[in-house]
Amino acid sequence: MHVVASAGHVDHGKSTLVRALTGSDPDRLAEEKRRGLSIELGYAWTALPGIGDVAFVDVPGHERFVATMLAGVGPVPVAMLVVAADDPWMPQAAEHLAALDALGVTHGVLVVTRADLADPAPALARARDELARTGLAGVPHVVTSAADAAGTSALRAELGRVLAEVLAGVPAPDPTADVRLWVDRRFHVRGTGTVVTGTLPAGTIHQGQVLHGPGGEVRVRALESLGRARTSVTGVARVALALGGRVPDAVGRGSALVTPGAWLEVDVVDVALTGPDLDRLPERPLLHVGAAQVAVHARVLAPGLARLRLDHPLPLRVGDRAVLRSPGDRVVRGVRVLDPRPPELRRRGAARTRASDLMTLDGSSGADLALRGLAEETLLRRAGLDPDVVPEGCVRAAGWLVDPEHAASVRRRAAEVVAGSGTAGLAPAALAQRLDLPDPAIVEAVGVPGARLVGGRWSAAADPVLPPHLQAPLEALLPELSGFAAPTADRLRELGLDTRALATLDRAGALVHLGGGVVLAAGADDEALARLAELPAPFSVSSARTALGTSRRVALALLGHLDRTARTVRLADDTRRLRPPR
C-alpha cells in the first residue's frame, strides 16, 4: 500500500479531490458535514494501475487544526498540495508546505483546483515559486476543477508516475522492523470495544500480538486495513486495531503503540534543526512527531543544533524526522534526531563541546561509538542504530561494543594501572572499576599489554619476552629515540624493523609505534599530551608541531595516534582539542 497526504488551505478542494479520486467521502464526522471543512483526519482509498492500493489522508486546512494536519503528513512519503485558482496563496498553505519540507517530503503533485472559476495561471505560478524553495521543487502539476473528469484522470496518472518513482528509488519498508504505530484516532465500537487507527510505516502487526503503549500493554484482538479484516498487516499501511474493552485511557491520539522492549522512551533528545532563525528558539515550542504533539523546553547548543526536553517521554530513534512549531509566530522548523540518549551538560562550556561532538554524528553506529567509546548492543539497537555494522577493529564483549580508538585507550590505561598495582595484582572486577568499565570481560577482550591474568588476578608480566631477533635492533635504536625526533624509514629498514616488528615492540612497551613507520620512545605520547594541554584549544597541527619541537611528519603521526587512542578529538576544520578523561 502507498499513503498520500493532501495538504493546503481550508476550502480549497482537498476533500473534493479525494472524493473524485476514490469515490469515497473522507469527511465522515457529522460536525465536518455541518461546517463544510475537515476537522479530523479523513481517509479514503483507491487502486491505481501498476501501483496497487493507495490510501489518501485528507488533512484539515483550518489554522486551528494544524496539529491534526501534522499528524496526517508525518508518516507518509508523498504529498498532494492543493491550491485554488480563485484564492490567493494562503497562510495555511504556506504552513503546510513548510511542514512537508521540514519532514523531508520530496515526492508529490501540485494541484490547482477551481480552474473553472478563475484563470489558474497566477495561482500555479505563485505555488511553483513557493515550492521552488523546498524539497518539493519541480514536482509535476495538474490543473483541474470539481466537475473535470479529464483533470481527475490526469491527476490519477501523475500520482501513478510519482508513486512509481517512489517504488523505484526508495527502499521498501522492512517487514521485520520494530513496530511503532502513532495513534491518530481512538473511538468505541459497540460489540468490539476500543479501536485505534494510524499509519504503519514499517514492520508487521499480527492479530493477537501484544504491543506496549502508555499505561501498559494491549493486545490486538482484530485488525483491519482498507475496510477489510486482516490477520496481519505490513507497512506501509493504514490500519485500524481493535483492542477490546480494557484499554488504558492514555492510549489515544498522539500516543504510540510499539514492539515491547524494542524502543527507548526518552524525554531529552539532541537534534539538528532546519528552517529560519536557528540561532534562537522560543523557550516553549511544540514538537510534532507522528501524531504526537508535546511541549518542549528548547536550548540552542549551536546554530542548527539544540537540546529538547519533552514534557513527557516518547519512543524516539536516531534519524526520526519531526516538526518544531512556534504557535505564536507560526514558524515551522524541521527536526532530525541525532541522539536520543544524550549526556548531561554539567560543566562550563559543555554546550559548545557537545555541539562539536554532535557534528560528528552521521546516523551510523560507528560514529555513535566513536563519540561514546563503548555502548551496549541492545541499547544501540533500541536507539535505532545497527550494532552489526561497526568499524573494523571494534571489540565485542559481554554484550558491549568498544570503539577501536577507545579500546586502544583502555589497553594503555589498563597497562598503567596493572603496572602500578604491585606484585599482588588486581582482580578483574577491581581493574574494570578502576578503568570505569561496566564489565570485566571487556578488559580481557581488549587485552592488557605487559600483563597476564593468572589465578584470577591481573599482574604485570615479569619480563616481557621479545623474539631474539628483535633484541639487538632495539638496543641499537633506543639511544636514537630522544624527545620527539623519530628515526627515518631508511634507518628502520637498516635495522631490519618492518611494520610487524614495530608492532611487536609497541605491544611489549619497548617503544611507541605511531603508524606509518614513525616510532618514538616509550611514554613520548603521554609527554606530548602534557605539552599540548598547555596550548589554547582548539589547536592546529602547526601549533602542535611548534610546541613539540618536531617535524610535520612526526606531528601528524603523533596527533593521529592521540586521536585513535581517544585522547584528542579532531574537529571538522582539522584543529584538535583534548578529550576530557573518562
Protein backbone atom coordinates (compact mmCIF):
# COMPACT_ATOMS: atom_id res chain seq x y z
CA MET A 1 0.00 0.00 0.00
CA HIS A 2 1.01 3.62 -0.57
CA VAL A 3 -0.15 6.55 1.53
CA VAL A 4 -0.63 10.05 0.10
CA ALA A 5 -1.40 13.11 2.24
CA SER A 6 -3.40 16.03 0.89
CA ALA A 7 -2.38 19.46 2.18
CA GLY A 8 -3.46 23.05 1.59
CA HIS A 9 -5.68 25.84 2.83
CA VAL A 10 -9.21 25.25 4.10
CA ASP A 11 -11.94 25.01 1.45
CA HIS A 12 -9.51 24.76 -1.48
CA GLY A 13 -10.99 21.45 -2.58
CA LYS A 14 -8.83 18.77 -0.94
CA SER A 15 -11.73 16.59 0.18
CA THR A 16 -13.49 17.05 -3.19
CA LEU A 17 -10.35 15.83 -4.97
CA VAL A 18 -10.04 12.78 -2.72
CA ARG A 19 -13.74 12.03 -3.30
CA ALA A 20 -13.25 12.26 -7.07
CA LEU A 21 -10.18 10.01 -6.95
CA THR A 22 -11.63 7.33 -4.69
CA GLY A 23 -15.40 7.57 -4.85
CA SER A 24 -15.46 7.79 -1.02
CA ASP A 25 -16.11 10.74 1.24
CA PRO A 26 -13.18 11.44 3.63
CA ASP A 27 -15.33 13.85 5.72
CA ARG A 28 -17.27 11.41 7.85
CA LEU A 29 -17.99 13.27 11.08
CA ALA A 30 -21.33 14.99 11.48
CA GLU A 31 -19.59 18.19 12.60
CA GLU A 32 -17.47 18.16 9.44
CA LYS A 33 -20.58 17.78 7.33
CA ARG A 34 -22.32 20.62 9.13
CA ARG A 35 -19.38 23.05 8.94
CA GLY A 36 -18.16 22.06 5.48
CA LEU A 37 -14.50 21.61 6.47
CA SER A 38 -12.26 18.79 7.68
CA ILE A 39 -11.73 18.72 11.44
CA GLU A 40 -10.40 15.20 11.97
CA LEU A 41 -8.12 13.28 9.65
CA GLY A 42 -10.15 11.72 6.86
CA TYR A 43 -9.26 8.57 4.94
CA ALA A 44 -10.27 7.07 1.62
CA TRP A 45 -8.57 4.70 -0.79
CA THR A 46 -8.44 3.50 -4.35
CA ALA A 47 -6.31 1.34 -6.66
CA LEU A 48 -4.02 2.77 -9.33
CA PRO A 49 -2.93 0.68 -12.34
CA GLY A 50 0.55 -0.74 -11.88
CA ILE A 51 0.78 0.69 -8.36
CA GLY A 52 -1.81 -1.08 -6.25
CA ASP A 53 -3.74 0.24 -3.25
CA VAL A 54 -3.32 3.92 -2.42
CA ALA A 55 -4.74 5.40 0.77
CA PHE A 56 -5.34 9.15 0.97
CA VAL A 57 -5.02 11.06 4.24
CA ASP A 58 -7.20 14.16 3.94
CA VAL A 59 -5.82 16.65 6.46
CA PRO A 60 -7.61 19.72 7.83
CA GLY A 61 -6.66 23.08 6.36
CA HIS A 62 -8.03 25.41 9.01
CA GLU A 63 -5.36 27.08 11.19
CA ARG A 64 -6.98 25.75 14.39
CA PHE A 65 -6.39 22.20 13.13
CA VAL A 66 -2.74 22.45 12.08
CA ALA A 67 -1.75 19.97 14.79
CA THR A 68 -4.13 17.44 13.22
CA MET A 69 -2.64 18.15 9.80
CA LEU A 70 0.86 17.43 11.11
CA ALA A 71 -0.38 14.13 12.49
CA GLY A 72 -1.58 13.26 9.00
CA VAL A 73 1.53 14.11 6.98
CA GLY A 74 4.09 12.81 9.47
CA PRO A 75 4.49 9.19 8.36
CA VAL A 76 3.82 9.50 4.61
CA PRO A 77 6.36 9.95 1.78
CA VAL A 78 4.10 11.53 -0.88
CA ALA A 79 2.00 14.70 -0.71
CA MET A 80 -0.70 16.31 -2.83
CA LEU A 81 -0.53 20.09 -2.29
CA VAL A 82 -3.81 21.75 -3.26
CA VAL A 83 -4.29 25.45 -4.08
CA ALA A 84 -7.37 27.16 -5.51
CA ALA A 85 -7.28 29.24 -8.70
CA ASP A 86 -9.77 31.76 -7.28
CA ASP A 87 -7.93 32.41 -4.00
CA PRO A 88 -4.54 33.99 -3.20
CA TRP A 89 -1.71 32.00 -1.64
CA MET A 90 -2.90 31.48 1.94
CA PRO A 91 -1.10 31.21 5.31
CA GLN A 92 -2.28 27.63 5.97
CA ALA A 93 -0.93 26.52 2.59
CA ALA A 94 2.43 28.09 3.48
CA GLU A 95 2.40 26.39 6.89
CA HIS A 96 1.50 23.01 5.39
CA LEU A 97 4.27 23.37 2.80
CA ALA A 98 6.78 24.32 5.49
CA ALA A 99 5.77 21.23 7.48
CA LEU A 100 6.14 18.96 4.43
CA ASP A 101 9.58 20.42 3.78
CA ALA A 102 10.58 20.08 7.42
CA LEU A 103 9.58 16.40 7.37
CA GLY A 104 11.71 15.77 4.31
CA VAL A 105 8.83 15.03 1.90
CA THR A 106 10.28 15.31 -1.62
CA HIS A 107 7.70 13.47 -3.75
CA GLY A 108 4.30 14.87 -4.63
CA VAL A 109 1.92 16.56 -7.03
CA LEU A 110 0.83 20.20 -7.09
CA VAL A 111 -2.90 20.52 -7.87
CA VAL A 112 -4.58 23.81 -8.86
CA THR A 113 -8.33 23.45 -8.33
CA ARG A 114 -11.35 25.57 -9.34
CA ALA A 115 -9.86 26.26 -12.75
CA ASP A 116 -13.43 26.85 -13.95
CA LEU A 117 -13.81 29.85 -11.61
CA ALA A 118 -10.61 31.79 -12.38
CA ASP A 119 -7.51 31.78 -14.55
CA PRO A 120 -5.27 29.14 -12.90
CA ALA A 121 -2.01 30.60 -14.26
CA PRO A 122 -1.36 33.14 -11.42
CA ALA A 123 -2.08 30.56 -8.69
CA LEU A 124 0.14 28.00 -10.43
CA ALA A 125 3.00 30.47 -10.85
CA ARG A 126 2.83 31.56 -7.18
CA ALA A 127 2.67 27.97 -5.93
CA ARG A 128 5.59 26.99 -8.20
CA ASP A 129 7.62 29.87 -6.75
CA GLU A 130 6.82 28.79 -3.18
CA LEU A 131 7.69 25.13 -3.88
CA ALA A 132 10.99 26.13 -5.52
CA ARG A 133 12.42 26.89 -2.06
CA THR A 134 11.58 23.44 -0.68
CA GLY A 135 12.25 19.77 -1.25
CA LEU A 136 9.12 19.65 -3.44
CA ALA A 137 10.67 21.91 -6.08
CA GLY A 138 9.96 20.66 -9.57
CA VAL A 139 7.14 18.26 -8.72
CA PRO A 140 4.56 17.77 -11.51
CA HIS A 141 1.32 19.75 -11.51
CA VAL A 142 -2.27 19.22 -12.59
CA VAL A 143 -4.92 21.89 -13.21
CA THR A 144 -8.50 20.76 -12.66
CA SER A 145 -11.94 21.58 -11.25
CA ALA A 146 -14.62 19.71 -9.33
CA ALA A 147 -16.51 18.61 -12.44
CA ASP A 148 -13.45 18.00 -14.65
CA ALA A 149 -13.27 14.25 -15.33
CA ALA A 150 -10.25 14.76 -17.59
CA GLY A 151 -8.44 16.63 -14.82
CA THR A 152 -9.16 13.81 -12.37
CA SER A 153 -7.79 11.28 -14.86
CA ALA A 154 -4.67 13.41 -15.34
CA LEU A 155 -4.21 13.60 -11.57
CA ARG A 156 -4.51 9.82 -11.21
CA ALA A 157 -1.89 9.42 -13.94
CA GLU A 158 0.53 11.87 -12.31
CA LEU A 159 0.08 10.24 -8.91
CA GLY A 160 0.81 6.90 -10.53
CA ARG A 161 4.04 8.24 -12.05
CA VAL A 162 5.16 9.80 -8.76
CA LEU A 163 4.43 6.62 -6.80
CA ALA A 164 6.31 4.60 -9.43
CA GLU A 165 9.33 6.87 -8.81
CA VAL A 166 9.00 6.20 -5.09
CA LEU A 167 8.86 2.46 -5.75
CA ALA A 168 12.00 2.67 -7.89
CA GLY A 169 14.07 4.99 -5.73
CA VAL A 170 13.07 4.45 -2.11
CA PRO A 171 13.95 1.19 -0.29
CA ALA A 172 10.93 -0.91 0.57
CA PRO A 173 9.96 -0.80 4.25
CA ASP A 174 11.34 -3.67 6.32
CA PRO A 175 8.51 -6.08 7.22
CA THR A 176 10.57 -7.33 10.20
CA ALA A 177 11.18 -3.85 11.62
CA ASP A 178 10.12 -2.98 15.16
CA VAL A 179 6.55 -1.68 15.21
CA ARG A 180 5.80 1.92 16.11
CA LEU A 181 2.24 2.97 15.33
CA TRP A 182 1.36 6.58 16.15
CA VAL A 183 -2.32 6.60 17.09
CA ASP A 184 -4.22 9.37 15.30
CA ARG A 185 -7.78 8.38 16.27
CA ARG A 186 -9.43 6.45 19.11
CA PHE A 187 -13.11 5.58 19.22
CA HIS A 188 -15.52 2.96 20.58
CA VAL A 189 -17.44 0.42 18.50
CA ARG A 190 -20.31 -1.43 20.17
CA GLY A 191 -19.53 -5.12 20.40
CA THR A 192 -15.85 -4.53 19.55
CA GLY A 193 -14.62 -2.10 22.18
CA THR A 194 -11.82 0.41 21.72
CA VAL A 195 -10.48 0.91 18.19
CA VAL A 196 -7.43 2.96 17.27
CA THR A 197 -6.14 3.95 13.84
CA GLY A 198 -2.80 5.04 12.44
CA THR A 199 -0.31 4.72 9.60
CA LEU A 200 2.13 1.82 9.97
CA PRO A 201 5.40 2.89 8.24
CA ALA A 202 7.22 -0.45 8.58
CA GLY A 203 7.10 -3.75 10.40
CA THR A 204 4.16 -6.13 10.71
CA ILE A 205 1.22 -6.25 13.11
CA HIS A 206 -0.47 -9.63 13.67
CA GLN A 207 -3.82 -10.47 15.16
CA GLY A 208 -3.22 -11.45 18.78
CA GLN A 209 0.05 -9.50 19.00
CA VAL A 210 0.88 -7.67 22.22
CA LEU A 211 2.04 -4.06 21.86
CA HIS A 212 3.29 -1.65 24.50
CA GLY A 213 1.67 1.73 24.97
CA PRO A 214 1.33 4.38 27.66
CA GLY A 215 -0.21 2.78 30.71
CA GLY A 216 0.84 -0.78 29.85
CA GLU A 217 0.43 -3.48 27.23
CA VAL A 218 -2.53 -4.01 24.90
CA ARG A 219 -3.47 -6.97 22.73
CA VAL A 220 -4.57 -6.64 19.10
CA ARG A 221 -7.83 -8.58 19.10
CA ALA A 222 -8.58 -7.80 15.44
CA LEU A 223 -7.21 -5.56 12.73
CA GLU A 224 -8.46 -4.01 9.54
CA SER A 225 -6.91 -2.24 6.55
CA LEU A 226 -8.69 -0.59 3.62
CA GLY A 227 -12.03 -1.68 5.04
CA ARG A 228 -11.17 -5.39 5.16
CA ALA A 229 -10.43 -7.62 8.13
CA ARG A 230 -6.86 -8.99 8.16
CA THR A 231 -4.85 -11.47 10.17
CA SER A 232 -1.70 -9.38 9.67
CA VAL A 233 -0.73 -6.08 8.05
CA THR A 234 2.73 -4.98 6.88
CA GLY A 235 3.77 -1.34 6.48
CA VAL A 236 3.33 0.97 4.76
CA ALA A 237 -0.38 0.68 5.57
CA ARG A 238 -3.35 2.41 7.10
CA VAL A 239 -4.59 0.18 9.91
CA ALA A 240 -7.37 0.05 12.46
CA LEU A 241 -6.72 -2.06 15.56
CA ALA A 242 -9.47 -3.41 17.80
CA LEU A 243 -8.03 -3.51 21.32
CA GLY A 244 -11.07 -4.66 23.28
CA GLY A 245 -12.65 -3.03 26.29
CA ARG A 246 -9.88 -2.63 28.86
CA VAL A 247 -7.53 -0.15 27.24
CA PRO A 248 -5.62 2.47 29.30
CA ASP A 249 -7.02 5.97 28.94
CA ALA A 250 -3.55 7.19 27.93
CA VAL A 251 -3.77 5.22 24.65
CA GLY A 252 -5.22 7.79 22.29
CA ARG A 253 -4.38 10.45 19.76
CA GLY A 254 -0.64 11.21 19.94
CA SER A 255 0.37 8.06 21.81
CA ALA A 256 2.42 5.27 20.25
CA LEU A 257 1.97 1.51 20.26
CA VAL A 258 5.34 -0.22 19.94
CA THR A 259 7.05 -3.60 19.99
CA PRO A 260 7.67 -4.30 23.71
CA GLY A 261 11.27 -3.75 24.80
CA ALA A 262 12.42 -2.51 21.39
CA TRP A 263 12.26 1.26 21.87
CA LEU A 264 13.74 3.89 24.16
CA GLU A 265 11.17 6.09 25.88
CA VAL A 266 13.06 9.40 26.04
CA ASP A 267 12.33 12.86 27.36
CA VAL A 268 15.64 14.51 26.36
CA VAL A 269 17.00 14.49 22.79
CA ASP A 270 19.72 16.32 20.89
CA VAL A 271 18.57 17.29 17.39
CA ALA A 272 19.60 19.01 14.17
CA LEU A 273 17.30 21.80 13.00
CA THR A 274 16.42 23.29 9.63
CA GLY A 275 14.43 26.42 8.92
CA PRO A 276 14.60 30.08 9.94
CA ASP A 277 16.27 31.67 12.99
CA LEU A 278 18.33 28.65 14.04
CA ASP A 279 20.46 30.67 16.45
CA ARG A 280 17.47 31.38 18.68
CA LEU A 281 14.39 29.36 19.56
CA PRO A 282 11.23 30.06 21.54
CA GLU A 283 11.54 28.72 25.05
CA ARG A 284 8.41 26.53 24.83
CA PRO A 285 7.73 25.41 21.25
CA LEU A 286 5.64 22.38 20.30
CA LEU A 287 7.23 19.22 18.92
CA HIS A 288 5.14 17.29 16.40
CA VAL A 289 6.29 13.75 15.66
CA GLY A 290 3.97 11.17 14.17
CA ALA A 291 0.59 12.01 15.63
CA ALA A 292 2.12 13.26 18.90
CA GLN A 293 2.21 16.88 19.99
CA VAL A 294 4.27 17.67 23.07
CA ALA A 295 5.55 20.92 24.55
CA VAL A 296 9.33 21.08 24.98
CA HIS A 297 11.99 23.25 26.56
CA ALA A 298 14.44 24.13 23.79
CA ARG A 299 18.11 25.01 24.35
CA VAL A 300 20.30 26.07 21.44
CA LEU A 301 23.71 24.35 21.52
CA ALA A 302 24.87 25.99 18.27
CA PRO A 303 23.02 27.35 15.24
CA GLY A 304 21.15 24.36 13.83
CA LEU A 305 21.72 22.17 16.90
CA ALA A 306 19.53 22.05 20.00
CA ARG A 307 18.62 20.04 23.07
CA LEU A 308 14.90 19.41 23.59
CA ARG A 309 13.40 18.44 26.95
CA LEU A 310 9.98 16.91 26.39
CA ASP A 311 7.12 17.34 28.83
CA HIS A 312 6.51 13.59 28.60
CA PRO A 313 8.57 10.76 27.09
CA LEU A 314 8.15 9.44 23.55
CA PRO A 315 9.66 6.47 21.68
CA LEU A 316 12.28 8.20 19.51
CA ARG A 317 15.25 6.95 17.50
CA VAL A 318 18.24 8.33 15.64
CA GLY A 319 17.12 9.78 12.31
CA ASP A 320 13.49 10.40 13.28
CA ARG A 321 12.03 13.43 11.48
CA ALA A 322 9.72 15.84 13.26
CA VAL A 323 8.49 19.43 13.25
CA LEU A 324 9.20 22.10 15.83
CA ARG A 325 6.45 24.70 15.70
CA SER A 326 6.05 28.01 17.45
CA PRO A 327 2.30 28.67 17.74
CA GLY A 328 2.82 32.37 18.44
CA ASP A 329 4.63 33.30 15.22
CA ARG A 330 3.69 30.12 13.23
CA VAL A 331 7.34 29.49 12.37
CA VAL A 332 7.95 25.85 11.38
CA ARG A 333 11.36 24.20 11.75
CA GLY A 334 12.48 20.74 10.75
CA VAL A 335 13.87 18.36 13.35
CA ARG A 336 16.12 15.32 12.87
CA VAL A 337 17.01 13.30 15.96
CA LEU A 338 20.78 12.94 16.35
CA ASP A 339 20.99 11.39 19.82
CA PRO A 340 18.06 10.11 21.91
CA ARG A 341 20.28 9.40 24.93
CA PRO A 342 22.47 12.48 25.32
CA PRO A 343 24.84 13.08 28.26
CA GLU A 344 24.12 15.73 30.86
CA LEU A 345 25.64 19.17 30.37
CA ARG A 346 27.24 19.92 33.70
CA ARG A 347 30.44 21.87 33.14
CA ARG A 348 31.01 25.38 31.90
CA GLY A 349 31.35 25.29 28.12
CA ALA A 350 29.74 21.84 27.92
CA ALA A 351 27.13 23.01 25.40
CA ARG A 352 29.80 24.18 22.95
CA THR A 353 31.73 20.93 23.31
CA ARG A 354 28.54 18.95 22.86
CA ALA A 355 27.74 20.84 19.66
CA SER A 356 31.17 19.88 18.28
CA ASP A 357 30.50 16.26 19.18
CA LEU A 358 27.08 16.28 17.52
CA MET A 359 28.65 17.46 14.26
CA THR A 360 30.49 14.11 14.08
CA LEU A 361 27.27 12.05 14.21
CA ASP A 362 26.12 10.77 10.83
CA GLY A 363 23.43 8.30 11.91
CA SER A 364 25.81 5.31 11.96
CA SER A 365 26.76 3.01 14.82
CA GLY A 366 30.42 3.74 14.12
CA ALA A 367 30.05 7.48 14.65
CA ASP A 368 27.99 6.93 17.80
CA LEU A 369 30.61 4.53 19.19
CA ALA A 370 33.48 6.85 18.33
CA LEU A 371 31.81 9.54 20.42
CA ARG A 372 30.87 7.36 23.40
CA GLY A 373 33.76 4.90 23.37
CA LEU A 374 31.56 1.95 24.24
CA ALA A 375 27.87 1.04 24.24
CA GLU A 376 25.55 -1.87 24.90
CA GLU A 377 24.46 -3.64 21.73
CA THR A 378 20.82 -3.73 22.87
CA LEU A 379 20.87 -0.01 23.67
CA LEU A 380 22.29 0.79 20.24
CA ARG A 381 19.53 -1.23 18.61
CA ARG A 382 16.80 0.44 20.67
CA ALA A 383 18.23 3.84 19.71
CA GLY A 384 17.79 2.95 16.04
CA LEU A 385 21.41 2.01 15.27
CA ASP A 386 22.68 -1.29 13.86
CA PRO A 387 25.18 -2.98 16.22
CA ASP A 388 26.13 -5.40 13.45
CA VAL A 389 27.50 -2.59 11.25
CA VAL A 390 30.54 -1.25 13.13
CA PRO A 391 34.10 -0.25 12.19
CA GLU A 392 36.78 -2.88 11.71
CA GLY A 393 38.65 -3.44 14.95
CA CYS A 394 35.60 -2.95 17.18
CA VAL A 395 35.79 -5.16 20.26
CA ARG A 396 32.74 -7.19 21.36
CA ALA A 397 32.47 -8.50 24.88
CA ALA A 398 29.58 -9.46 27.17
CA GLY A 399 27.00 -7.60 25.06
CA TRP A 400 29.14 -4.47 24.78
CA LEU A 401 30.84 -2.85 21.78
CA VAL A 402 34.10 -0.94 22.22
CA ASP A 403 35.25 1.55 19.59
CA PRO A 404 38.76 0.76 18.22
CA GLU A 405 40.24 4.04 19.47
CA HIS A 406 38.68 3.63 22.88
CA ALA A 407 39.91 0.04 23.01
CA ALA A 408 43.45 1.33 22.42
CA SER A 409 42.98 3.84 25.24
CA VAL A 410 41.67 1.10 27.55
CA ARG A 411 44.69 -1.06 26.76
CA ARG A 412 47.07 1.77 27.56
CA ARG A 413 45.37 2.74 30.82
CA ALA A 414 44.95 -0.90 31.88
CA ALA A 415 48.67 -1.49 31.43
CA GLU A 416 49.45 1.57 33.56
CA VAL A 417 47.04 0.53 36.32
CA VAL A 418 48.30 -3.06 36.44
CA ALA A 419 51.94 -1.93 36.38
CA GLY A 420 51.27 0.25 39.42
CA SER A 421 49.37 -2.41 41.35
CA GLY A 422 52.44 -4.18 42.74
CA THR A 423 53.07 -7.89 42.94
CA ALA A 424 49.60 -8.65 44.33
CA GLY A 425 47.91 -7.58 41.07
CA LEU A 426 44.23 -6.73 40.67
CA ALA A 427 41.05 -8.77 40.50
CA PRO A 428 39.26 -8.36 37.14
CA ALA A 429 36.31 -6.56 38.75
CA ALA A 430 38.63 -4.15 40.54
CA LEU A 431 40.54 -3.39 37.35
CA ALA A 432 37.30 -2.80 35.44
CA GLN A 433 36.15 -0.43 38.17
CA ARG A 434 39.44 1.49 38.05
CA LEU A 435 39.00 1.83 34.29
CA ASP A 436 35.34 2.86 34.60
CA LEU A 437 34.21 -0.14 32.57
CA PRO A 438 30.85 -1.87 33.12
CA ASP A 439 32.11 -5.47 32.77
CA PRO A 440 35.48 -7.18 33.49
CA ALA A 441 35.05 -9.20 30.29
CA ILE A 442 35.77 -6.01 28.33
CA VAL A 443 39.28 -5.80 29.79
CA GLU A 444 40.01 -9.40 28.87
CA ALA A 445 38.69 -8.91 25.33
CA VAL A 446 40.69 -5.71 24.83
CA GLY A 447 43.86 -7.09 26.38
CA VAL A 448 46.43 -5.65 28.80
CA PRO A 449 49.90 -5.18 27.28
CA GLY A 450 52.71 -6.37 29.54
CA ALA A 451 50.29 -8.14 31.89
CA ARG A 452 48.66 -11.52 32.28
CA LEU A 453 45.63 -12.98 34.04
CA VAL A 454 46.89 -15.64 36.42
CA GLY A 455 44.97 -17.19 39.30
CA GLY A 456 42.05 -14.83 38.74
CA ARG A 457 44.17 -11.66 39.04
CA TRP A 458 45.80 -9.30 36.58
CA SER A 459 49.51 -8.84 37.28
CA ALA A 460 52.45 -7.39 35.38
CA ALA A 461 54.45 -9.91 33.39
CA ALA A 462 57.86 -10.28 34.97
CA ASP A 463 59.90 -9.81 31.82
CA PRO A 464 58.28 -9.01 28.51
CA VAL A 465 59.82 -11.58 26.24
CA LEU A 466 60.96 -10.29 22.88
CA PRO A 467 61.89 -12.54 19.99
CA PRO A 468 65.69 -12.88 19.97
CA HIS A 469 65.99 -11.32 16.52
CA LEU A 470 64.49 -8.04 17.82
CA GLN A 471 66.64 -7.58 20.91
CA ALA A 472 69.76 -6.34 19.10
CA PRO A 473 67.90 -3.91 16.79
CA LEU A 474 66.06 -2.49 19.80
CA GLU A 475 69.27 -1.94 21.73
CA ALA A 476 70.72 -0.11 18.71
CA LEU A 477 67.57 2.01 18.27
CA LEU A 478 66.87 3.10 21.87
CA PRO A 479 69.75 5.64 22.11
CA GLU A 480 68.37 7.34 18.97
CA LEU A 481 64.88 7.85 20.46
CA SER A 482 65.17 11.22 22.12
CA GLY A 483 62.30 13.64 22.67
CA PHE A 484 60.05 13.79 19.63
CA ALA A 485 62.65 13.04 16.97
CA ALA A 486 61.89 9.86 15.05
CA PRO A 487 64.33 7.73 13.05
CA THR A 488 63.89 7.74 9.31
CA ALA A 489 62.28 4.91 7.37
CA ASP A 490 65.69 4.12 5.88
CA ARG A 491 67.18 3.75 9.36
CA LEU A 492 64.43 1.36 10.43
CA ARG A 493 64.92 -0.73 7.31
CA GLU A 494 68.67 -0.76 8.00
CA LEU A 495 67.94 -2.25 11.44
CA GLY A 496 65.55 -4.80 9.92
CA LEU A 497 62.50 -3.37 11.70
CA ASP A 498 59.44 -3.75 9.49
CA THR A 499 55.80 -2.99 10.40
CA ARG A 500 55.28 -6.33 12.15
CA ALA A 501 58.45 -5.94 14.21
CA LEU A 502 57.50 -2.41 15.26
CA ALA A 503 54.04 -3.63 16.31
CA THR A 504 55.66 -6.34 18.46
CA LEU A 505 57.95 -3.81 20.16
CA ASP A 506 54.95 -1.49 20.70
CA ARG A 507 52.87 -4.22 22.36
CA ALA A 508 55.81 -5.02 24.65
CA GLY A 509 56.00 -1.38 25.71
CA ALA A 510 59.54 -1.00 24.39
CA LEU A 511 58.57 1.97 22.17
CA VAL A 512 55.54 3.74 20.72
CA HIS A 513 54.67 2.93 17.11
CA LEU A 514 52.57 5.80 15.77
CA GLY A 515 51.85 4.09 12.46
CA GLY A 516 53.35 4.68 9.07
CA GLY A 517 56.81 3.70 10.26
CA VAL A 518 57.05 6.53 12.82
CA VAL A 519 58.33 5.44 16.25
CA LEU A 520 59.14 7.34 19.45
CA ALA A 521 60.43 6.39 22.87
CA ALA A 522 58.01 4.71 25.25
CA GLY A 523 55.94 7.33 27.06
CA ALA A 524 56.55 10.02 24.44
CA ASP A 525 52.81 10.14 23.64
CA ASP A 526 52.00 10.92 27.29
CA GLU A 527 54.65 13.63 27.34
CA ALA A 528 53.22 15.09 24.13
CA LEU A 529 49.74 15.18 25.65
CA ALA A 530 51.05 17.16 28.63
CA ARG A 531 52.62 19.75 26.32
CA LEU A 532 49.53 20.01 24.13
CA ALA A 533 47.41 20.64 27.22
CA GLU A 534 49.22 23.97 27.59
CA LEU A 535 48.06 25.18 24.17
CA PRO A 536 44.85 27.21 23.73
CA ALA A 537 42.09 24.93 22.41
CA PRO A 538 41.41 24.13 19.69
CA PHE A 539 44.99 23.98 18.36
CA SER A 540 46.29 23.46 14.83
CA VAL A 541 48.82 20.93 13.54
CA SER A 542 51.29 23.78 13.08
CA SER A 543 50.99 24.98 16.69
CA ALA A 544 51.29 21.37 17.92
CA ARG A 545 54.43 20.85 15.82
CA THR A 546 55.98 24.02 17.27
CA ALA A 547 55.10 23.07 20.85
CA LEU A 548 56.64 19.62 20.42
CA GLY A 549 59.69 20.88 18.52
CA THR A 550 59.41 18.22 15.86
CA SER A 551 58.78 17.76 12.15
CA ARG A 552 55.39 17.89 10.47
CA ARG A 553 55.73 14.17 9.64
CA VAL A 554 56.06 13.23 13.30
CA ALA A 555 53.44 15.76 14.46
CA LEU A 556 50.82 14.37 12.07
CA ALA A 557 51.56 10.77 13.08
CA LEU A 558 51.53 11.64 16.78
CA LEU A 559 48.24 13.55 16.56
CA GLY A 560 46.70 10.66 14.62
CA HIS A 561 47.83 8.29 17.37
CA LEU A 562 46.31 10.52 20.06
CA ASP A 563 43.06 10.64 18.06
CA ARG A 564 42.96 6.84 17.75
CA THR A 565 43.63 6.35 21.46
CA ALA A 566 40.78 8.76 22.31
CA ARG A 567 42.97 11.39 23.96
CA THR A 568 42.34 14.13 21.40
CA VAL A 569 39.37 14.98 19.19
CA ARG A 570 39.88 16.03 15.56
CA LEU A 571 37.41 18.74 14.57
CA ALA A 572 35.93 19.49 11.16
CA ASP A 573 38.47 22.24 10.38
CA ASP A 574 41.42 19.87 11.17
CA THR A 575 42.10 21.51 14.53
CA ARG A 576 42.02 19.46 17.71
CA ARG A 577 41.12 19.65 21.34
CA LEU A 578 41.96 17.34 24.23
CA ARG A 579 39.23 14.87 25.13
CA PRO A 580 38.28 15.09 28.83
CA PRO A 581 39.38 11.98 30.75
CA ARG A 582 36.64 9.37 31.08
